[in-house]
Protein backbone atom coordinates (compact mmCIF):
# COMPACT_ATOMS: atom_id res chain seq x y z
CA UNK A 1 174.23 134.17 97.96
CA UNK A 2 170.10 133.49 99.28
CA UNK A 3 167.71 135.35 97.54
CA UNK A 4 164.98 136.90 99.81
CA UNK A 5 161.76 135.23 98.77
CA UNK A 6 160.15 138.00 96.74
CA UNK A 7 163.53 137.60 94.33
CA UNK A 8 163.18 134.24 94.50
CA UNK A 9 159.75 134.51 93.08
CA UNK A 10 160.69 137.24 90.67
CA UNK A 11 163.36 135.02 88.94
CA UNK A 12 161.28 131.70 89.19
CA UNK A 13 158.76 133.18 86.68
CA UNK A 14 161.24 133.74 83.76
CA UNK A 15 163.07 130.71 84.44
CA UNK A 16 159.98 128.35 83.89
CA UNK A 17 158.99 130.75 80.85
CA UNK A 18 162.85 129.99 79.38
CA UNK A 19 162.24 126.30 80.49
CA UNK A 20 158.83 126.36 78.65
CA UNK A 21 160.19 127.99 75.78
CA UNK A 22 163.29 125.56 75.53
CA UNK A 23 161.10 122.61 75.79
CA UNK A 24 158.58 123.74 73.13
CA UNK A 25 155.54 123.67 75.45
CA UNK A 26 153.05 126.13 75.21
CA UNK A 27 152.27 128.80 78.11
CA UNK A 28 149.55 129.23 80.48
CA UNK A 29 149.12 132.31 82.32
CA UNK A 30 150.21 132.04 85.49
CA UNK A 31 149.36 133.81 88.73
CA UNK A 32 150.72 135.53 91.15
CA UNK A 33 149.02 133.28 93.64
CA UNK A 34 150.21 130.37 92.24
CA UNK A 35 153.85 131.24 92.18
CA UNK A 36 153.10 132.12 96.23
CA UNK A 37 151.77 128.86 96.85
CA UNK A 38 148.40 127.95 98.56
CA UNK A 39 146.52 130.19 100.27
CA UNK A 40 146.40 130.14 104.42
CA UNK A 41 143.33 128.14 105.46
CA UNK A 42 140.24 129.95 106.50
CA UNK A 43 138.78 129.96 109.77
CA UNK A 44 137.19 126.39 110.36
CA UNK A 45 138.26 124.80 107.36
CA UNK A 46 140.53 122.75 109.13
CA UNK A 47 137.70 121.95 111.63
CA UNK A 48 135.82 120.98 108.87
CA UNK A 49 138.37 119.02 106.74
CA UNK A 50 138.88 116.97 110.15
CA UNK A 51 135.01 116.37 110.43
CA UNK A 52 134.71 115.05 107.13
CA UNK A 53 137.23 111.93 107.36
CA UNK A 54 135.45 109.02 107.58
CA UNK A 55 135.38 106.94 111.08
CA UNK A 56 137.22 103.61 110.95
CA UNK A 57 137.06 100.76 113.39
CA UNK A 58 139.89 98.96 114.24
CA UNK A 59 138.94 95.08 115.69
CA UNK A 60 142.02 93.74 116.44
CA UNK A 61 142.40 89.83 116.67
CA UNK A 62 146.11 89.19 116.78
CA UNK A 63 148.37 87.32 114.47
CA UNK A 64 151.49 88.14 112.64
CA UNK A 65 150.51 91.85 112.45
CA UNK A 66 150.80 92.21 115.79
CA UNK A 67 153.93 89.50 115.96
CA UNK A 68 157.59 90.52 117.41
CA UNK A 69 160.41 88.62 116.54
CA UNK A 70 163.60 88.34 119.06
CA UNK A 71 165.82 89.84 116.17
CA UNK A 72 165.26 92.37 113.39
CA UNK A 73 166.37 89.85 110.47
CA UNK A 74 163.61 87.65 112.07
CA UNK A 75 160.69 87.87 109.04
CA UNK A 76 159.73 83.96 109.58
CA UNK A 77 160.95 83.10 113.18
CA UNK A 78 158.65 84.77 115.89
CA UNK A 79 155.61 84.73 118.12
CA UNK A 80 151.96 86.19 116.81
CA UNK A 81 149.25 88.23 118.57
CA UNK A 82 151.76 90.35 120.89
CA UNK A 83 151.35 93.79 120.33
CA UNK A 84 147.69 95.44 121.02
CA UNK A 85 145.65 97.33 118.84
CA UNK A 86 146.37 100.69 120.39
CA UNK A 87 150.04 100.18 119.47
CA UNK A 88 149.22 98.78 116.37
CA UNK A 89 147.88 102.37 115.37
CA UNK A 90 150.40 104.59 117.19
CA UNK A 91 153.11 102.78 114.74
CA UNK A 92 151.52 103.99 111.77
CA UNK A 93 150.58 107.85 112.85
CA UNK A 94 149.70 108.40 108.70
CA UNK A 95 146.56 106.98 109.64
CA UNK A 96 145.39 110.24 111.26
CA UNK A 97 145.57 111.73 108.13
CA UNK A 98 143.04 109.76 106.65
CA UNK A 99 140.50 108.76 108.96
CA UNK A 100 139.02 109.06 112.83
CA UNK A 101 140.72 105.65 113.68
CA UNK A 102 139.64 104.18 117.41
CA UNK A 103 140.74 100.79 118.02
CA UNK A 104 138.95 97.90 120.05
CA UNK A 105 140.78 94.51 121.19
CA UNK A 106 138.59 91.57 120.44
CA UNK A 107 141.77 88.55 120.92
CA UNK A 108 145.22 88.12 120.96
CA UNK A 109 146.00 84.94 119.24
CA UNK A 110 147.36 83.52 116.56
CA UNK A 111 145.05 82.85 113.86
CA UNK A 112 145.30 78.54 113.43
CA UNK A 113 143.49 78.54 117.09
CA UNK A 114 140.35 80.29 115.80
CA UNK A 115 137.38 78.38 116.92
CA UNK A 116 133.94 78.37 115.80
CA UNK A 117 132.92 80.16 118.96
CA UNK A 118 135.02 82.91 118.10
CA UNK A 119 134.08 83.66 114.54
CA UNK A 120 130.85 83.86 116.08
CA UNK A 121 131.85 86.24 118.47
CA UNK A 122 133.69 88.48 115.93
CA UNK A 123 130.70 88.55 113.61
CA UNK A 124 128.31 89.48 116.26
CA UNK A 125 130.84 92.27 117.34
CA UNK A 126 131.32 93.48 113.59
CA UNK A 127 127.61 93.69 113.03
CA UNK A 128 126.84 95.93 115.84
CA UNK A 129 129.66 98.03 114.60
CA UNK A 130 128.42 98.65 111.61
CA UNK A 131 124.79 99.41 112.46
CA UNK A 132 126.39 102.38 114.54
CA UNK A 133 125.99 106.16 112.73
CA UNK A 134 129.24 107.06 113.77
CA UNK A 135 130.80 104.14 111.70
CA UNK A 136 131.79 104.22 108.28
CA UNK A 137 133.90 101.09 107.99
CA UNK A 138 135.79 98.13 110.31
CA UNK A 139 138.98 96.84 109.53
CA UNK A 140 139.98 93.62 111.06
CA UNK A 141 143.92 92.64 112.18
CA UNK A 142 144.17 88.94 111.77
CA UNK A 143 146.59 86.07 110.98
CA UNK A 144 147.19 85.15 107.99
CA UNK A 145 146.83 80.98 108.19
CA UNK A 146 142.78 81.55 108.67
CA UNK A 147 142.30 84.88 107.55
CA UNK A 148 140.57 83.54 104.24
CA UNK A 149 138.17 81.54 106.46
CA UNK A 150 137.00 84.64 108.87
CA UNK A 151 137.06 86.99 105.67
CA UNK A 152 134.26 84.53 104.09
CA UNK A 153 132.32 83.63 107.49
CA UNK A 154 131.82 87.60 107.68
CA UNK A 155 130.68 87.65 104.28
CA UNK A 156 127.91 85.57 104.49
CA UNK A 157 126.43 86.64 108.02
CA UNK A 158 126.83 90.66 108.52
CA UNK A 159 124.44 92.14 106.66
CA UNK A 160 125.62 95.43 105.78
CA UNK A 161 127.30 97.41 102.50
CA UNK A 162 129.80 99.55 104.86
CA UNK A 163 133.42 98.50 104.32
CA UNK A 164 134.41 95.64 106.32
CA UNK A 165 138.21 95.08 105.68
CA UNK A 166 140.41 92.15 106.95
CA UNK A 167 144.29 92.92 107.14
CA UNK A 168 147.09 90.79 107.98
CA UNK A 169 151.03 90.48 107.75
CA UNK A 170 153.52 87.93 106.53
CA UNK A 171 156.12 89.20 108.48
CA UNK A 172 155.95 90.47 112.15
CA UNK A 173 156.48 94.18 113.08
CA UNK A 174 159.75 93.92 114.28
CA UNK A 175 161.53 92.55 110.88
CA UNK A 176 163.46 94.66 108.67
CA UNK A 177 160.93 94.89 105.74
CA UNK A 178 158.08 94.17 107.92
CA UNK A 179 154.65 94.75 105.58
CA UNK A 180 152.08 95.17 108.47
CA UNK A 181 152.34 98.92 108.90
CA UNK A 182 151.44 99.46 105.28
CA UNK A 183 148.96 97.41 105.13
CA UNK A 184 147.01 98.10 107.66
CA UNK A 185 147.44 101.88 106.47
CA UNK A 186 145.91 100.67 102.84
CA UNK A 187 143.13 98.74 104.79
CA UNK A 188 142.09 102.12 106.65
CA UNK A 189 142.23 103.55 103.17
CA UNK A 190 139.57 100.76 101.99
CA UNK A 191 137.91 100.96 104.88
CA UNK A 192 137.25 104.69 104.51
CA UNK A 193 136.40 104.81 100.69
CA UNK A 194 133.32 105.05 99.71
CA UNK A 195 133.67 103.14 96.43
CA UNK A 196 134.56 100.38 98.79
CA UNK A 197 130.98 99.79 99.82
CA UNK A 198 128.42 96.83 98.78
CA UNK A 199 131.56 94.97 97.32
CA UNK A 200 131.56 92.33 100.20
CA UNK A 201 134.07 91.46 102.53
CA UNK A 202 137.47 92.77 101.50
CA UNK A 203 141.47 91.44 102.12
CA UNK A 204 143.64 94.46 101.64
CA UNK A 205 147.74 93.01 101.59
CA UNK A 206 150.31 93.67 99.30
CA UNK A 207 148.86 96.56 97.76
CA UNK A 208 145.94 94.40 96.65
CA UNK A 209 142.54 94.30 97.62
CA UNK A 210 141.34 90.86 97.66
CA UNK A 211 137.64 89.58 97.45
CA UNK A 212 137.02 87.75 101.08
CA UNK A 213 135.41 85.12 99.23
CA UNK A 214 137.92 84.67 96.75
CA UNK A 215 141.28 85.14 98.36
CA UNK A 216 143.45 82.28 99.98
CA UNK A 217 147.05 81.94 100.96
CA UNK A 218 149.09 80.40 98.92
CA UNK A 219 152.63 81.09 99.50
CA UNK A 220 153.55 80.75 103.45
CA UNK A 221 156.69 82.85 103.50
CA UNK A 222 156.37 85.42 101.55
CA UNK A 223 154.28 88.76 101.65
CA UNK A 224 153.29 88.31 98.39
CA UNK A 225 151.14 85.23 99.89
CA UNK A 226 147.12 86.01 98.90
CA UNK A 227 145.57 85.20 95.57
CA UNK A 228 142.50 84.57 93.72
CA UNK A 229 142.38 82.65 90.44
CA UNK A 230 139.87 85.45 89.48
CA UNK A 231 142.45 88.47 90.31
CA UNK A 232 142.26 91.21 92.81
CA UNK A 233 139.39 93.54 92.69
CA UNK A 234 141.51 96.76 92.84
CA UNK A 235 144.60 98.19 94.16
CA UNK A 236 145.87 100.66 96.71
CA UNK A 237 148.47 102.97 95.30
CA UNK A 238 149.28 106.23 97.26
CA UNK A 239 146.56 106.17 99.90
CA UNK A 240 143.99 105.66 96.61
CA UNK A 241 141.68 103.00 95.90
CA UNK A 242 141.60 101.82 92.19
CA UNK A 243 139.00 99.09 91.10
CA UNK A 244 138.84 96.79 87.99
CA UNK A 245 135.57 94.36 89.08
CA UNK A 246 133.39 93.73 91.40
CA UNK A 247 131.97 90.41 93.17
CA UNK A 248 128.96 88.64 91.57
CA UNK A 249 128.52 86.14 94.38
CA UNK A 250 125.95 86.93 97.09
CA UNK A 251 127.30 88.86 99.95
CA UNK A 252 126.03 91.30 102.85
CA UNK A 253 122.55 92.62 102.29
CA UNK A 254 122.03 90.27 99.82
CA UNK A 255 122.76 87.18 101.99
CA UNK A 256 120.15 84.97 102.95
CA UNK A 257 121.90 84.52 106.44
CA UNK A 258 122.49 86.66 109.33
CA UNK A 259 124.72 86.40 112.52
CA UNK A 260 121.99 87.86 115.00
CA UNK A 261 120.21 84.55 114.36
CA UNK A 262 123.54 82.21 114.59
CA UNK A 263 124.87 81.42 118.05
CA UNK A 264 126.73 78.19 117.09
CA UNK A 265 127.97 76.53 114.03
CA UNK A 266 127.24 72.74 113.53
CA UNK A 267 130.86 71.07 112.88
CA UNK A 268 132.33 70.13 109.55
CA UNK A 269 135.33 68.06 108.48
CA UNK A 270 137.79 68.16 106.19
CA UNK A 271 139.37 64.95 104.26
CA UNK A 272 142.10 65.60 102.05
CA UNK A 273 142.44 63.25 98.47
CA UNK A 274 145.77 61.17 97.92
CA UNK A 275 146.07 58.09 96.68
CA UNK A 276 145.93 54.76 98.81
CA UNK A 277 143.39 56.20 101.28
CA UNK A 278 141.80 54.50 104.09
CA UNK A 279 138.16 54.87 105.12
CA UNK A 280 139.11 55.95 109.15
CA UNK A 281 139.41 59.34 108.38
CA UNK A 282 135.53 59.56 107.09
CA UNK A 283 134.02 57.01 109.66
CA UNK A 284 136.17 59.22 112.37
CA UNK A 285 134.33 62.59 111.35
CA UNK A 286 131.22 61.04 111.42
CA UNK A 287 131.77 59.61 114.67
CA UNK A 288 132.96 62.81 116.22
CA UNK A 289 129.93 64.50 115.22
CA UNK A 290 130.68 66.24 112.05
CA UNK A 291 127.47 66.77 109.99
CA UNK A 292 128.89 67.16 106.73
CA UNK A 293 132.57 66.22 105.33
CA UNK A 294 134.02 68.45 102.44
CA UNK A 295 136.30 65.51 100.30
CA UNK A 296 138.76 67.32 99.42
CA UNK A 297 139.60 65.53 96.31
CA UNK A 298 141.80 64.98 93.49
CA UNK A 299 141.52 66.72 90.18
CA UNK A 300 138.10 67.57 89.74
CA UNK A 301 136.76 66.43 93.36
CA UNK A 302 137.33 62.97 92.25
CA UNK A 303 136.42 59.90 94.92
CA UNK A 304 138.50 56.98 95.02
CA UNK A 305 136.30 53.71 93.41
CA UNK A 306 137.62 51.91 96.86
CA UNK A 307 135.70 54.70 99.24
CA UNK A 308 132.55 55.34 97.09
CA UNK A 309 130.71 52.87 99.27
CA UNK A 310 132.27 54.04 102.51
CA UNK A 311 130.96 58.11 101.30
CA UNK A 312 127.36 56.74 99.93
CA UNK A 313 126.79 54.93 103.76
CA UNK A 314 127.81 58.13 105.86
CA UNK A 315 125.12 59.97 103.31
CA UNK A 316 122.59 57.26 104.21
CA UNK A 317 123.08 58.33 107.91
CA UNK A 318 122.26 62.04 106.95
CA UNK A 319 125.43 63.65 106.91
CA UNK A 320 126.33 65.64 103.99
CA UNK A 321 129.23 64.63 101.15
CA UNK A 322 130.62 67.88 99.82
CA UNK A 323 133.19 67.01 96.99
CA UNK A 324 135.90 69.87 96.87
CA UNK A 325 139.25 69.84 95.35
CA UNK A 326 142.60 70.18 96.46
CA UNK A 327 143.74 71.78 93.11
CA UNK A 328 144.41 75.53 93.71
CA UNK A 329 141.99 76.81 90.66
CA UNK A 330 139.24 75.89 88.86
CA UNK A 331 135.94 74.07 90.14
CA UNK A 332 134.26 70.91 90.30
CA UNK A 333 131.66 69.64 87.82
CA UNK A 334 128.78 68.26 89.25
CA UNK A 335 127.73 64.99 88.12
CA UNK A 336 131.51 64.41 86.44
CA UNK A 337 134.13 62.04 88.08
CA UNK A 338 130.81 60.81 90.27
CA UNK A 339 127.01 60.54 90.21
CA UNK A 340 126.15 63.63 92.44
CA UNK A 341 122.65 63.12 91.39
CA UNK A 342 122.54 59.60 92.38
CA UNK A 343 124.65 59.66 95.26
CA UNK A 344 122.79 62.52 96.85
CA UNK A 345 126.01 64.64 96.93
CA UNK A 346 126.91 68.26 96.81
CA UNK A 347 129.72 69.88 94.88
CA UNK A 348 131.48 72.62 96.19
CA UNK A 349 131.95 74.95 92.82
CA UNK A 350 135.15 76.79 92.85
CA UNK A 351 135.29 76.94 96.76
CA UNK A 352 138.06 75.49 98.07
CA UNK A 353 138.03 72.86 100.77
CA UNK A 354 138.45 75.36 103.47
CA UNK A 355 135.66 77.96 102.05
CA UNK A 356 133.24 74.94 101.38
CA UNK A 357 133.62 73.94 104.89
CA UNK A 358 132.57 77.87 106.01
CA UNK A 359 129.89 77.54 103.85
CA UNK A 360 128.53 74.35 104.30
CA UNK A 361 128.26 75.26 108.38
CA UNK A 362 126.38 78.67 107.71
CA UNK A 363 124.15 76.61 105.30
CA UNK A 364 123.63 74.05 107.64
CA UNK A 365 122.11 76.75 110.23
CA UNK A 366 118.81 76.82 108.10
CA UNK A 367 118.51 73.38 105.99
CA UNK A 368 119.48 69.91 105.32
CA UNK A 369 118.09 69.61 102.03
CA UNK A 370 120.54 68.40 99.39
CA UNK A 371 119.09 70.21 96.59
CA UNK A 372 118.90 73.74 98.94
CA UNK A 373 122.52 73.41 99.93
CA UNK A 374 123.14 72.79 96.62
CA UNK A 375 121.75 76.02 95.35
CA UNK A 376 123.47 77.97 98.15
CA UNK A 377 126.83 76.58 97.06
CA UNK A 378 126.35 77.55 93.50
CA UNK A 379 124.79 81.23 94.85
CA UNK A 380 127.55 82.33 97.35
């Protein structure tokens, strides 16, 4: 028999009391309003709540998060950069409960096709957005292949304390277990959270909040693709941010670099270390116009003995030599393995080769002095 609402409420209180006694729990006074549920909103309260929502702009660049496969079972075979930003937002209606969101389509490409020109264009667009009073945070959808480079570039050159959050996915939106929708929702949560301010550019994927400077893609076929050897900054759980550490390297408003003064970047090459190497990759990079070479060496950025003279000669011609490591974790020690002071080389510290390439390109817009470059690699 279905009880009338008043009868249900009259029975609910004795049942709750009996349950509390049975469990040995202390009783607290229960008001009638608590049994009847929350009071209806007063006139104007809904409008005030909507006005209090953070204002977030989603800048779309393409990538897997905007990808589509021929079949729902395709999680690794698909075409990237197919879904425009308005459809990305519409596919996650819960976003409207978190923030006032609008979208801008910057590019519609797979991220392996990003060039320096597009990095600069995107940074200028984001810089203009964060200067606006009606923007509280920015989310950038991006392909996973080079999102770590874009995140670090923005971290260096966009001078703001407002949250800038990169987001990507490892599976297209058409896959059975697509990860893009939740990643995008989490990114909007982070971009709209006041406690996200002044933490640099962030990457939100797989429930984790990573520092854009530190995170790197280590797995190419699972949603848990991004890691930092120093650990995530925090997590997003059910629409709430939880923080556990903060970045200490220079970024944002503390950076000496500014995208408003950068219109082009010098060419920087990466040469990957291995056994039985040849000098031609280095000399060809110089012939192609590289102003610096990132040596992705073995171990502690090691350089094979038979290549040392080649790198010394390249440095004597004004091209910077920066020792990084192909190893995933750790950092390169200066004057260990090679006498960097003697050869006038730079070490990349804990930056992997692709991030060292970004910092070198940005730093070279300001200085060619090796000691200054080394200071920059320590501080950023």
